[in-house]
Amino acid sequence: MSNNVLTAPHPGRTSSDPGARERGSVTAETAVVLPALLLVLAMAVWVLAAVGTQLRCTDAAGVAARAAARGDSRGQVRLAGAAVAPAGSVIDVVTTTSTVEVRVRARVRPFGSALGALPAIEVSGRAVAALEDQDPAS
């Protein structure tokens, strides 16, 4: 008497199963593409950090320019700008006879010291305001 028992192949264990080869292929492709995806994600975070810092520089320049246009002292103008500017920013104030121009510069390191070997990006913001008429009698 012969033992004619048919057993079904286990899914994913035979080379004749086309689904098994496709699953393995997807895994290999994902392993190859994953570093590229992480690099794209890191670059996106870096760009977002730079844009956010640039917007803060522009806001700080606007605040400082308005303070200077009102006639505030240079120290008050710098303090007003520094309150809005990113940490470590440089604030330059140039006054002419009718306008004031404020430039705020900052360096961006979106990943901090974790990736210190990467270069920092410098961003800046600029604002110009007309000086308000100062009434010497008041």
C-alpha atoms as a PDB file:
ATOM      1  CA  MET A   1       0.000   0.000   0.000  1.00  0.00           C
ATOM      2  CA  SER A   2       1.454   3.254  -1.008  1.00  0.00           C
ATOM      3  CA  ASN A   3       1.116   6.445   0.894  1.00  0.00           C
ATOM      4  CA  ASN A   4      -0.327   8.884  -1.646  1.00  0.00           C
ATOM      5  CA  VAL A   5      -0.863  11.858   0.554  1.00  0.00           C
ATOM      6  CA  LEU A   6      -0.811  15.184  -1.210  1.00  0.00           C
ATOM      7  CA  THR A   7       0.364  18.107   0.803  1.00  0.00           C
ATOM      8  CA  ALA A   8      -0.218  21.665  -0.209  1.00  0.00           C
ATOM      9  CA  PRO A   9       2.895  23.789  -0.398  1.00  0.00           C
ATOM     10  CA  HIS A  10       3.326  26.333   2.392  1.00  0.00           C
ATOM     11  CA  PRO A  11       2.662  29.873   1.104  1.00  0.00           C
ATOM     12  CA  GLY A  12       5.847  31.787   0.465  1.00  0.00           C
ATOM     13  CA  ARG A  13       8.166  28.764   0.799  1.00  0.00           C
ATOM     14  CA  THR A  14       8.377  27.491  -2.735  1.00  0.00           C
ATOM     15  CA  SER A  15      10.114  29.029  -5.648  1.00  0.00           C
ATOM     16  CA  SER A  16       7.139  28.172  -7.856  1.00  0.00           C
ATOM     17  CA  ASP A  17       4.976  30.673  -5.941  1.00  0.00           C
ATOM     18  CA  PRO A  18       5.160  33.987  -7.904  1.00  0.00           C
ATOM     19  CA  GLY A  19       3.846  35.943  -4.894  1.00  0.00           C
ATOM     20  CA  ALA A  20       6.842  34.905  -2.799  1.00  0.00           C
ATOM     21  CA  ARG A  21       9.298  36.305  -5.318  1.00  0.00           C
ATOM     22  CA  GLU A  22       7.342  39.560  -5.552  1.00  0.00           C
ATOM     23  CA  ARG A  23       7.276  39.976  -1.767  1.00  0.00           C
ATOM     24  CA  GLY A  24      11.033  39.490  -1.617  1.00  0.00           C
ATOM     25  CA  SER A  25      11.513  41.943  -4.455  1.00  0.00           C
ATOM     26  CA  VAL A  26       9.484  44.632  -2.682  1.00  0.00           C
ATOM     27  CA  THR A  27      11.523  44.137   0.482  1.00  0.00           C
ATOM     28  CA  ALA A  28      14.793  44.471  -1.417  1.00  0.00           C
ATOM     29  CA  GLU A  29      13.603  47.549  -3.301  1.00  0.00           C
ATOM     30  CA  THR A  30      12.493  49.172  -0.044  1.00  0.00           C
ATOM     31  CA  ALA A  31      15.879  48.469   1.537  1.00  0.00           C
ATOM     32  CA  VAL A  32      17.610  50.130  -1.403  1.00  0.00           C
ATOM     33  CA  VAL A  33      15.277  53.150  -1.539  1.00  0.00           C
ATOM     34  CA  LEU A  34      15.048  53.790   2.232  1.00  0.00           C
ATOM     35  CA  PRO A  35      18.348  55.729   2.537  1.00  0.00           C
ATOM     36  CA  ALA A  36      17.294  57.973  -0.358  1.00  0.00           C
ATOM     37  CA  LEU A  37      13.924  58.596   1.308  1.00  0.00           C
ATOM     38  CA  LEU A  38      15.651  59.504   4.579  1.00  0.00           C
ATOM     39  CA  LEU A  39      17.964  61.897   2.731  1.00  0.00           C
ATOM     40  CA  VAL A  40      14.993  63.607   1.064  1.00  0.00           C
ATOM     41  CA  LEU A  41      13.251  63.886   4.437  1.00  0.00           C
ATOM     42  CA  ALA A  42      16.361  65.397   6.050  1.00  0.00           C
ATOM     43  CA  MET A  43      16.688  67.934   3.240  1.00  0.00           C
ATOM     44  CA  ALA A  44      13.013  68.869   3.605  1.00  0.00           C
ATOM     45  CA  VAL A  45      13.479  69.454   7.337  1.00  0.00           C
ATOM     46  CA  TRP A  46      16.573  71.574   6.608  1.00  0.00           C
ATOM     47  CA  VAL A  47      14.678  73.700   4.070  1.00  0.00           C
ATOM     48  CA  LEU A  48      11.725  74.176   6.435  1.00  0.00           C
ATOM     49  CA  ALA A  49      14.071  75.248   9.237  1.00  0.00           C
ATOM     50  CA  ALA A  50      15.796  77.744   6.929  1.00  0.00           C
ATOM     51  CA  VAL A  51      12.486  79.204   5.712  1.00  0.00           C
ATOM     52  CA  GLY A  52      11.172  79.483   9.269  1.00  0.00           C
ATOM     53  CA  THR A  53      14.332  81.255  10.419  1.00  0.00           C
ATOM     54  CA  GLN A  54      14.231  83.580   7.421  1.00  0.00           C
ATOM     55  CA  LEU A  55      10.644  84.543   8.258  1.00  0.00           C
ATOM     56  CA  ARG A  56      11.631  85.265  11.860  1.00  0.00           C
ATOM     57  CA  CYS A  57      14.488  87.471  10.601  1.00  0.00           C
ATOM     58  CA  THR A  58      12.069  89.393   8.369  1.00  0.00           C
ATOM     59  CA  ASP A  59       9.611  89.841  11.247  1.00  0.00           C
ATOM     60  CA  ALA A  60      12.399  91.030  13.545  1.00  0.00           C
ATOM     61  CA  ALA A  61      13.605  93.515  10.934  1.00  0.00           C
ATOM     62  CA  GLY A  62      10.073  94.881  10.593  1.00  0.00           C
ATOM     63  CA  VAL A  63       9.650  95.279  14.343  1.00  0.00           C
ATOM     64  CA  ALA A  64      13.021  97.020  14.672  1.00  0.00           C
ATOM     65  CA  ALA A  65      12.361  99.289  11.670  1.00  0.00           C
ATOM     66  CA  ARG A  66       9.028 100.408  13.137  1.00  0.00           C
ATOM     67  CA  ALA A  67      10.709 101.138  16.471  1.00  0.00           C
ATOM     68  CA  ALA A  68      13.404 103.184  14.723  1.00  0.00           C
ATOM     69  CA  ALA A  69      10.826 105.036  12.634  1.00  0.00           C
ATOM     70  CA  ARG A  70       9.048 106.081  15.846  1.00  0.00           C
ATOM     71  CA  GLY A  71      12.272 107.616  17.060  1.00  0.00           C
ATOM     72  CA  ASP A  72      13.350 104.991  19.608  1.00  0.00           C
ATOM     73  CA  SER A  73      17.031 104.921  20.561  1.00  0.00           C
ATOM     74  CA  ARG A  74      19.406 102.494  18.817  1.00  0.00           C
ATOM     75  CA  GLY A  75      19.495 100.331  21.932  1.00  0.00           C
ATOM     76  CA  GLN A  76      15.712 100.116  22.059  1.00  0.00           C
ATOM     77  CA  VAL A  77      15.597  99.328  18.336  1.00  0.00           C
ATOM     78  CA  ARG A  78      18.072  96.465  18.782  1.00  0.00           C
ATOM     79  CA  LEU A  79      16.191  95.124  21.809  1.00  0.00           C
ATOM     80  CA  ALA A  80      12.887  95.221  19.911  1.00  0.00           C
ATOM     81  CA  GLY A  81      14.433  93.294  17.024  1.00  0.00           C
ATOM     82  CA  ALA A  82      16.253  90.834  19.292  1.00  0.00           C
ATOM     83  CA  ALA A  83      12.991  89.972  21.052  1.00  0.00           C
ATOM     84  CA  VAL A  84      11.635  88.536  17.780  1.00  0.00           C
ATOM     85  CA  ALA A  85      14.852  87.436  16.046  1.00  0.00           C
ATOM     86  CA  PRO A  86      16.309  83.933  16.312  1.00  0.00           C
ATOM     87  CA  ALA A  87      19.024  83.412  18.929  1.00  0.00           C
ATOM     88  CA  GLY A  88      22.460  84.541  17.799  1.00  0.00           C
ATOM     89  CA  SER A  89      21.151  86.948  15.151  1.00  0.00           C
ATOM     90  CA  VAL A  90      23.052  90.012  13.997  1.00  0.00           C
ATOM     91  CA  ILE A  91      20.992  93.205  13.693  1.00  0.00           C
ATOM     92  CA  ASP A  92      22.254  96.094  11.552  1.00  0.00           C
ATOM     93  CA  VAL A  93      20.475  99.481  11.569  1.00  0.00           C
ATOM     94  CA  VAL A  94      21.214 102.116   8.908  1.00  0.00           C
ATOM     95  CA  THR A  95      19.484 105.480   9.195  1.00  0.00           C
ATOM     96  CA  THR A  96      19.340 108.099   6.445  1.00  0.00           C
ATOM     97  CA  THR A  97      17.650 111.499   6.542  1.00  0.00           C
ATOM     98  CA  SER A  98      14.234 110.078   5.690  1.00  0.00           C
ATOM     99  CA  THR A  99      14.353 106.286   6.172  1.00  0.00           C
ATOM    100  CA  VAL A 100      15.695 103.564   8.383  1.00  0.00           C
ATOM    101  CA  GLU A 101      16.803 100.166   7.088  1.00  0.00           C
ATOM    102  CA  VAL A 102      17.178  97.163   9.371  1.00  0.00           C
ATOM    103  CA  ARG A 103      18.831  93.895   8.360  1.00  0.00           C
ATOM    104  CA  VAL A 104      18.698  90.810  10.543  1.00  0.00           C
ATOM    105  CA  ARG A 105      21.022  87.876   9.759  1.00  0.00           C
ATOM    106  CA  ALA A 106      21.069  84.433  11.347  1.00  0.00           C
ATOM    107  CA  ARG A 107      22.791  81.102  10.745  1.00  0.00           C
ATOM    108  CA  VAL A 108      20.627  77.992  10.491  1.00  0.00           C
ATOM    109  CA  ARG A 109      21.687  74.565  11.739  1.00  0.00           C
ATOM    110  CA  PRO A 110      18.451  72.568  11.630  1.00  0.00           C
ATOM    111  CA  PHE A 111      19.947  69.455  13.191  1.00  0.00           C
ATOM    112  CA  GLY A 112      21.994  71.271  15.823  1.00  0.00           C
ATOM    113  CA  SER A 113      25.202  69.587  16.882  1.00  0.00           C
ATOM    114  CA  ALA A 114      23.944  66.165  15.770  1.00  0.00           C
ATOM    115  CA  LEU A 115      25.235  66.832  12.269  1.00  0.00           C
ATOM    116  CA  GLY A 116      27.830  69.504  13.066  1.00  0.00           C
ATOM    117  CA  ALA A 117      29.915  68.555  10.029  1.00  0.00           C
ATOM    118  CA  LEU A 118      27.258  69.981   7.723  1.00  0.00           C
ATOM    119  CA  PRO A 119      27.640  73.659   6.859  1.00  0.00           C
ATOM    120  CA  ALA A 120      25.261  76.226   8.334  1.00  0.00           C
ATOM    121  CA  ILE A 121      23.030  78.292   6.064  1.00  0.00           C
ATOM    122  CA  GLU A 122      22.899  82.056   6.521  1.00  0.00           C
ATOM    123  CA  VAL A 123      19.504  83.685   6.048  1.00  0.00           C
ATOM    124  CA  SER A 124      18.469  87.294   6.434  1.00  0.00           C
ATOM    125  CA  GLY A 125      15.503  89.590   6.580  1.00  0.00           C
ATOM    126  CA  ARG A 126      15.310  93.262   5.656  1.00  0.00           C
ATOM    127  CA  ALA A 127      12.828  96.034   6.360  1.00  0.00           C
ATOM    128  CA  VAL A 128      12.768  99.727   5.465  1.00  0.00           C
ATOM    129  CA  ALA A 129      10.552 102.316   7.147  1.00  0.00           C
ATOM    130  CA  ALA A 130      10.089 106.036   6.634  1.00  0.00           C
ATOM    131  CA  LEU A 131      11.058 108.109   9.640  1.00  0.00           C
ATOM    132  CA  GLU A 132       8.108 109.705  11.336  1.00  0.00           C
ATOM    133  CA  ASP A 133       8.078 113.466  11.688  1.00  0.00           C
ATOM    134  CA  GLN A 134       9.469 114.377  15.066  1.00  0.00           C
ATOM    135  CA  ASP A 135       7.777 117.378  16.618  1.00  0.00           C
ATOM    136  CA  PRO A 136      10.462 119.151  18.696  1.00  0.00           C
ATOM    137  CA  ALA A 137       7.785 121.013  20.721  1.00  0.00           C
ATOM    138  CA  SER A 138       6.338 117.828  22.240  1.00  0.00           C
END
